């Protein structure tokens, strides 16, 4: 595993709202394991591998969702994308805990 986490970028509107101390869901990174098997989609959508994308600062929440869903990037509100990614990350973490408890 080249990186422990894939960085998630914050859009300008989200950065501004966070600077104003608004309470908004925001995801700064996701576990590498969530996105690692989507290398082909990253290449198809961005013409770059995941490691290169991570080293350049990461991807937006919407791009991360599109890569994992194996679809082309699509317009999505940044705040909504962060909410979706937050839920995906929470479900992934729960699945990891269940697998560990079962010894899988």
C-alpha atoms as a PDB file:
ATOM      1  CA  UNK A   1       0.000   0.000   0.000  1.00  0.00           C
ATOM      2  CA  UNK A   2       1.733   3.190  -1.172  1.00  0.00           C
ATOM      3  CA  UNK A   3      -0.177   5.626   1.092  1.00  0.00           C
ATOM      4  CA  UNK A   4      -2.282   5.159   4.192  1.00  0.00           C
ATOM      5  CA  UNK A   5      -4.789   7.776   3.055  1.00  0.00           C
ATOM      6  CA  UNK A   6      -5.996   9.430  -0.159  1.00  0.00           C
ATOM      7  CA  UNK A   7      -6.195  13.207   0.444  1.00  0.00           C
ATOM      8  CA  UNK A   8      -9.539  14.836  -0.301  1.00  0.00           C
ATOM      9  CA  UNK A   9      -9.517  18.416  -1.541  1.00  0.00           C
ATOM     10  CA  UNK A  10     -11.848  21.114  -0.260  1.00  0.00           C
ATOM     11  CA  UNK A  11     -13.547  23.367  -2.773  1.00  0.00           C
ATOM     12  CA  UNK A  12     -13.337  27.157  -2.351  1.00  0.00           C
ATOM     13  CA  UNK A  13     -16.901  27.512  -1.014  1.00  0.00           C
ATOM     14  CA  UNK A  14     -16.357  24.795   1.577  1.00  0.00           C
ATOM     15  CA  UNK A  15     -12.995  26.308   2.628  1.00  0.00           C
ATOM     16  CA  UNK A  16     -14.650  29.714   3.058  1.00  0.00           C
ATOM     17  CA  UNK A  17     -17.498  28.305   5.116  1.00  0.00           C
ATOM     18  CA  UNK A  18     -15.080  26.369   7.328  1.00  0.00           C
ATOM     19  CA  UNK A  19     -12.986  29.527   7.784  1.00  0.00           C
ATOM     20  CA  UNK A  20     -16.178  31.191   9.052  1.00  0.00           C
ATOM     21  CA  UNK A  21     -16.367  28.317  11.558  1.00  0.00           C
ATOM     22  CA  UNK A  22     -19.578  26.899  10.122  1.00  0.00           C
ATOM     23  CA  UNK A  23     -20.258  23.360  11.275  1.00  0.00           C
ATOM     24  CA  UNK A  24     -20.055  21.450   7.994  1.00  0.00           C
ATOM     25  CA  UNK A  25     -19.171  17.826   7.307  1.00  0.00           C
ATOM     26  CA  UNK A  26     -15.831  17.704   5.552  1.00  0.00           C
ATOM     27  CA  UNK A  27     -13.600  14.766   4.742  1.00  0.00           C
ATOM     28  CA  UNK A  28      -9.867  15.458   4.564  1.00  0.00           C
ATOM     29  CA  UNK A  29      -8.842  11.927   3.545  1.00  0.00           C
ATOM     30  CA  UNK A  30     -10.139   8.415   3.023  1.00  0.00           C
ATOM     31  CA  UNK A  31      -8.389   5.110   3.725  1.00  0.00           C
ATOM     32  CA  UNK A  32      -6.301   4.039   0.767  1.00  0.00           C
ATOM     33  CA  UNK A  33      -8.060   0.656   0.831  1.00  0.00           C
ATOM     34  CA  UNK A  34     -11.357   2.333  -0.096  1.00  0.00           C
ATOM     35  CA  UNK A  35     -10.037   3.483  -3.450  1.00  0.00           C
ATOM     36  CA  UNK A  36      -7.037   1.243  -4.149  1.00  0.00           C
ATOM     37  CA  UNK A  37      -8.839  -1.236  -6.395  1.00  0.00           C
ATOM     38  CA  UNK A  38     -10.139   1.596  -8.620  1.00  0.00           C
ATOM     39  CA  UNK A  39      -6.815   2.292 -10.344  1.00  0.00           C
ATOM     40  CA  UNK A  40      -8.314   1.623 -13.780  1.00  0.00           C
ATOM     41  CA  UNK A  41     -11.038   4.240 -13.271  1.00  0.00           C
ATOM     42  CA  UNK A  42      -8.535   6.841 -12.063  1.00  0.00           C
ATOM     43  CA  UNK A  43      -6.478   6.236 -15.204  1.00  0.00           C
ATOM     44  CA  UNK A  44      -9.581   6.439 -17.404  1.00  0.00           C
ATOM     45  CA  UNK A  45     -10.951   9.611 -15.793  1.00  0.00           C
ATOM     46  CA  UNK A  46      -7.745  11.506 -14.990  1.00  0.00           C
ATOM     47  CA  UNK A  47      -5.022   9.852 -17.096  1.00  0.00           C
ATOM     48  CA  UNK A  48      -3.071   9.484 -13.840  1.00  0.00           C
ATOM     49  CA  UNK A  49      -2.667   6.696 -11.347  1.00  0.00           C
ATOM     50  CA  UNK A  50      -3.918   7.007  -7.781  1.00  0.00           C
ATOM     51  CA  UNK A  51      -0.441   7.509  -6.339  1.00  0.00           C
ATOM     52  CA  UNK A  52       0.177  10.454  -8.678  1.00  0.00           C
ATOM     53  CA  UNK A  53      -3.201  11.968  -7.805  1.00  0.00           C
ATOM     54  CA  UNK A  54      -2.416  11.584  -4.089  1.00  0.00           C
ATOM     55  CA  UNK A  55       1.042  13.124  -4.473  1.00  0.00           C
ATOM     56  CA  UNK A  56      -0.480  16.123  -6.285  1.00  0.00           C
ATOM     57  CA  UNK A  57      -2.762  16.853  -3.328  1.00  0.00           C
ATOM     58  CA  UNK A  58      -5.547  14.342  -3.809  1.00  0.00           C
ATOM     59  CA  UNK A  59      -8.949  14.501  -5.452  1.00  0.00           C
ATOM     60  CA  UNK A  60     -12.169  16.316  -4.702  1.00  0.00           C
ATOM     61  CA  UNK A  61     -14.909  14.503  -2.822  1.00  0.00           C
ATOM     62  CA  UNK A  62     -16.965  14.286  -6.019  1.00  0.00           C
ATOM     63  CA  UNK A  63     -14.024  12.853  -7.945  1.00  0.00           C
ATOM     64  CA  UNK A  64     -13.393  10.268  -5.234  1.00  0.00           C
ATOM     65  CA  UNK A  65     -17.041   9.185  -5.373  1.00  0.00           C
ATOM     66  CA  UNK A  66     -16.932   8.947  -9.172  1.00  0.00           C
ATOM     67  CA  UNK A  67     -13.698   6.927  -9.114  1.00  0.00           C
ATOM     68  CA  UNK A  68     -15.087   4.465  -6.568  1.00  0.00           C
ATOM     69  CA  UNK A  69     -18.420   4.239  -8.433  1.00  0.00           C
ATOM     70  CA  UNK A  70     -16.425   3.661 -11.624  1.00  0.00           C
ATOM     71  CA  UNK A  71     -18.146   6.453 -13.525  1.00  0.00           C
ATOM     72  CA  UNK A  72     -16.886   9.604 -15.176  1.00  0.00           C
ATOM     73  CA  UNK A  73     -16.683  12.648 -12.890  1.00  0.00           C
ATOM     74  CA  UNK A  74     -19.982  14.497 -12.767  1.00  0.00           C
ATOM     75  CA  UNK A  75     -21.036  17.875 -11.360  1.00  0.00           C
ATOM     76  CA  UNK A  76     -21.992  17.587  -7.706  1.00  0.00           C
ATOM     77  CA  UNK A  77     -22.250  20.164  -4.967  1.00  0.00           C
ATOM     78  CA  UNK A  78     -19.059  20.014  -2.874  1.00  0.00           C
ATOM     79  CA  UNK A  79     -20.905  19.998   0.442  1.00  0.00           C
ATOM     80  CA  UNK A  80     -23.201  17.180  -0.686  1.00  0.00           C
ATOM     81  CA  UNK A  81     -20.193  15.224  -2.009  1.00  0.00           C
ATOM     82  CA  UNK A  82     -18.455  15.530   1.364  1.00  0.00           C
ATOM     83  CA  UNK A  83     -21.587  14.281   3.142  1.00  0.00           C
ATOM     84  CA  UNK A  84     -21.777  11.273   0.832  1.00  0.00           C
ATOM     85  CA  UNK A  85     -18.061  10.549   1.192  1.00  0.00           C
ATOM     86  CA  UNK A  86     -18.340  10.852   4.984  1.00  0.00           C
ATOM     87  CA  UNK A  87     -21.097   8.208   4.980  1.00  0.00           C
ATOM     88  CA  UNK A  88     -19.084   5.962   2.647  1.00  0.00           C
ATOM     89  CA  UNK A  89     -16.033   6.246   4.894  1.00  0.00           C
ATOM     90  CA  UNK A  90     -18.118   5.439   7.986  1.00  0.00           C
ATOM     91  CA  UNK A  91     -19.620   2.349   6.304  1.00  0.00           C
ATOM     92  CA  UNK A  92     -16.172   1.229   5.189  1.00  0.00           C
ATOM     93  CA  UNK A  93     -14.811   1.602   8.738  1.00  0.00           C
ATOM     94  CA  UNK A  94     -17.751  -0.363  10.129  1.00  0.00           C
ATOM     95  CA  UNK A  95     -17.159  -3.123   7.589  1.00  0.00           C
ATOM     96  CA  UNK A  96     -13.493  -3.239   8.587  1.00  0.00           C
ATOM     97  CA  UNK A  97     -14.417  -3.589  12.266  1.00  0.00           C
ATOM     98  CA  UNK A  98     -16.905  -6.364  11.522  1.00  0.00           C
ATOM     99  CA  UNK A  99     -14.335  -8.221   9.404  1.00  0.00           C
ATOM    100  CA  UNK A 100     -11.726  -7.940  12.155  1.00  0.00           C
ATOM    101  CA  UNK A 101     -14.211  -9.189  14.770  1.00  0.00           C
ATOM    102  CA  UNK A 102     -15.004 -12.193  12.577  1.00  0.00           C
ATOM    103  CA  UNK A 103     -11.332 -12.844  11.943  1.00  0.00           C
ATOM    104  CA  UNK A 104     -11.667 -12.341   8.198  1.00  0.00           C
END
